[in-house]
Amino acid sequence: HLPLHLPSTTTTRLFQTPVERQEADYLARGSNSNSGTLPDIVYILLFNPGSPQEGVHTSRSSDNDGDDGDVVERLWAFESLEDCRTLATVLMQNPSKDDSFMAAEPIPTPAPLSQMQVACRDMGLTLQVVPAVV
């Protein structure tokens, strides 16, 4: 008998959730940005700020830049408070069933960029800074 060679398969999602769509738009904006300077202060989404259950919004997605399909976990940071508020609204309107913070309201919160860079490095996350639209 000849060995059986099955074709390799990939999974392609036909539909994105509203949150995935919004984050994909932000990711594309960051990829198309020519701005070389980053702000000192960015806006992040915190859940339960100041409590023992405090958390920050991150998301996981496949790294489209690589051929190996690595999954990247991004911490989203925004130059614009308005963009941060928009994502907070989308998250509130479309809670994820696997999100342990889904009962908490995401709060746009200013944070020093340098602090976020260190935190992401320490946690093994990719800091995704979304440039403001000018």
Protein backbone atom coordinates (compact mmCIF):
# COMPACT_ATOMS: atom_id res chain seq x y z
CA HIS A 1 0.00 0.00 0.00
CA LEU A 2 1.07 3.54 -0.70
CA PRO A 3 1.19 5.91 2.26
CA LEU A 4 -1.88 8.07 2.55
CA HIS A 5 -1.10 11.79 2.17
CA LEU A 6 -3.88 14.03 3.26
CA PRO A 7 -3.90 17.61 2.03
CA SER A 8 -3.08 20.16 4.66
CA THR A 9 -6.09 22.08 5.90
CA THR A 10 -6.59 25.51 7.30
CA THR A 11 -9.48 27.01 9.14
CA THR A 12 -10.82 30.26 7.78
CA ARG A 13 -13.42 32.14 9.74
CA LEU A 14 -16.13 33.57 7.56
CA PHE A 15 -17.47 35.96 10.16
CA GLN A 16 -15.88 38.22 12.74
CA THR A 17 -17.53 39.34 15.94
CA PRO A 18 -18.06 43.10 16.26
CA VAL A 19 -15.15 43.24 18.74
CA GLU A 20 -12.84 41.34 16.36
CA ARG A 21 -13.88 43.62 13.49
CA GLN A 22 -13.18 46.77 15.53
CA GLU A 23 -9.79 45.44 16.66
CA ALA A 24 -8.91 44.46 13.07
CA ASP A 25 -9.69 48.02 11.96
CA TYR A 26 -7.43 49.39 14.70
CA LEU A 27 -4.68 46.93 13.78
CA ALA A 28 -4.87 48.00 10.13
CA ARG A 29 -4.71 51.65 11.17
CA GLY A 30 -1.57 50.95 13.20
CA SER A 31 0.01 49.05 10.31
CA ASN A 32 -0.68 51.92 7.92
CA SER A 33 0.59 54.61 10.26
CA ASN A 34 3.65 56.56 9.22
CA SER A 35 3.95 58.24 12.61
CA GLY A 36 7.32 57.50 14.13
CA THR A 37 6.61 59.18 17.45
CA LEU A 38 4.58 57.68 20.24
CA PRO A 39 2.75 59.65 22.94
CA ASP A 40 3.90 59.72 26.56
CA ILE A 41 0.36 58.84 27.71
CA VAL A 42 -1.93 56.22 26.14
CA TYR A 43 -5.43 55.07 27.03
CA ILE A 44 -6.12 51.47 28.02
CA LEU A 45 -9.30 49.66 29.05
CA LEU A 46 -9.36 48.56 32.68
CA PHE A 47 -11.95 46.34 34.29
CA ASN A 48 -12.61 46.72 38.03
CA PRO A 49 -9.93 49.41 38.47
CA GLY A 50 -8.48 49.65 41.95
CA SER A 51 -9.94 46.33 43.09
CA PRO A 52 -8.27 42.95 43.59
CA GLN A 53 -10.05 41.83 40.38
CA GLU A 54 -8.52 44.61 38.27
CA GLY A 55 -7.74 43.55 34.71
CA VAL A 56 -6.82 45.09 31.37
CA HIS A 57 -8.33 44.38 27.96
CA THR A 58 -6.22 42.13 25.78
CA SER A 59 -7.11 39.98 22.80
CA ARG A 60 -5.63 36.96 21.08
CA SER A 61 -5.41 36.55 17.34
CA SER A 62 -3.26 34.81 14.80
CA ASP A 63 -0.23 36.74 13.64
CA ASN A 64 -1.00 37.42 9.99
CA ASP A 65 2.55 38.61 9.41
CA GLY A 66 4.02 35.17 9.94
CA ASP A 67 3.54 31.97 8.02
CA ASP A 68 3.55 29.80 11.12
CA GLY A 69 0.18 30.98 12.41
CA ASP A 70 1.47 32.02 15.83
CA VAL A 71 -1.11 33.41 18.21
CA VAL A 72 -0.38 36.89 19.50
CA GLU A 73 -1.88 38.34 22.65
CA ARG A 74 -2.17 42.12 22.37
CA LEU A 75 -2.72 44.73 25.01
CA TRP A 76 -4.55 47.56 23.25
CA ALA A 77 -3.39 51.12 23.96
CA PHE A 78 -4.79 54.18 22.24
CA GLU A 79 -3.42 57.61 21.45
CA SER A 80 -7.02 58.85 21.33
CA LEU A 81 -9.42 58.73 24.27
CA GLU A 82 -12.28 58.64 21.73
CA ASP A 83 -10.96 55.44 20.11
CA CYS A 84 -10.57 53.86 23.54
CA ARG A 85 -14.17 54.81 24.39
CA THR A 86 -15.36 53.33 21.08
CA LEU A 87 -13.81 49.95 21.87
CA ALA A 88 -15.25 50.11 25.40
CA THR A 89 -18.72 50.62 23.90
CA VAL A 90 -18.27 47.74 21.44
CA LEU A 91 -17.13 45.47 24.29
CA MET A 92 -20.13 46.42 26.43
CA GLN A 93 -22.55 45.82 23.55
CA ASN A 94 -20.95 42.48 22.62
CA PRO A 95 -19.75 40.67 25.76
CA SER A 96 -17.70 37.55 25.20
CA LYS A 97 -18.93 34.37 26.85
CA ASP A 98 -15.35 33.36 27.67
CA ASP A 99 -14.43 36.72 29.19
CA SER A 100 -14.23 36.56 32.97
CA PHE A 101 -14.65 40.35 33.12
CA MET A 102 -17.81 40.42 30.99
CA ALA A 103 -19.94 41.65 33.89
CA ALA A 104 -17.59 44.58 34.53
CA GLU A 105 -17.62 47.82 32.60
CA PRO A 106 -14.43 48.59 30.67
CA ILE A 107 -13.09 51.95 31.87
CA PRO A 108 -10.87 54.04 29.54
CA THR A 109 -7.86 54.90 31.68
CA PRO A 110 -4.77 57.02 30.94
CA ALA A 111 -1.45 55.26 31.50
CA PRO A 112 2.19 56.13 30.84
CA LEU A 113 3.36 54.46 27.64
CA SER A 114 6.68 53.49 29.25
CA GLN A 115 4.82 51.68 32.05
CA MET A 116 2.73 49.77 29.51
CA GLN A 117 5.84 48.80 27.54
CA VAL A 118 7.48 47.35 30.67
CA ALA A 119 4.29 45.58 31.75
CA CYS A 120 3.83 44.00 28.32
CA ARG A 121 7.43 42.87 28.19
CA ASP A 122 7.12 41.33 31.67
CA MET A 123 3.84 39.57 30.81
CA GLY A 124 4.88 38.41 27.34
CA LEU A 125 2.26 40.55 25.59
CA THR A 126 2.47 42.64 22.44
CA LEU A 127 1.68 46.29 23.07
CA GLN A 128 -0.53 47.48 20.23
CA VAL A 129 -0.61 51.28 20.13
CA VAL A 130 -3.46 52.56 17.95
CA PRO A 131 -2.60 55.93 16.40
CA ALA A 132 -5.13 58.73 16.54
CA VAL A 133 -6.80 59.78 13.30
CA VAL A 134 -5.60 63.23 12.32
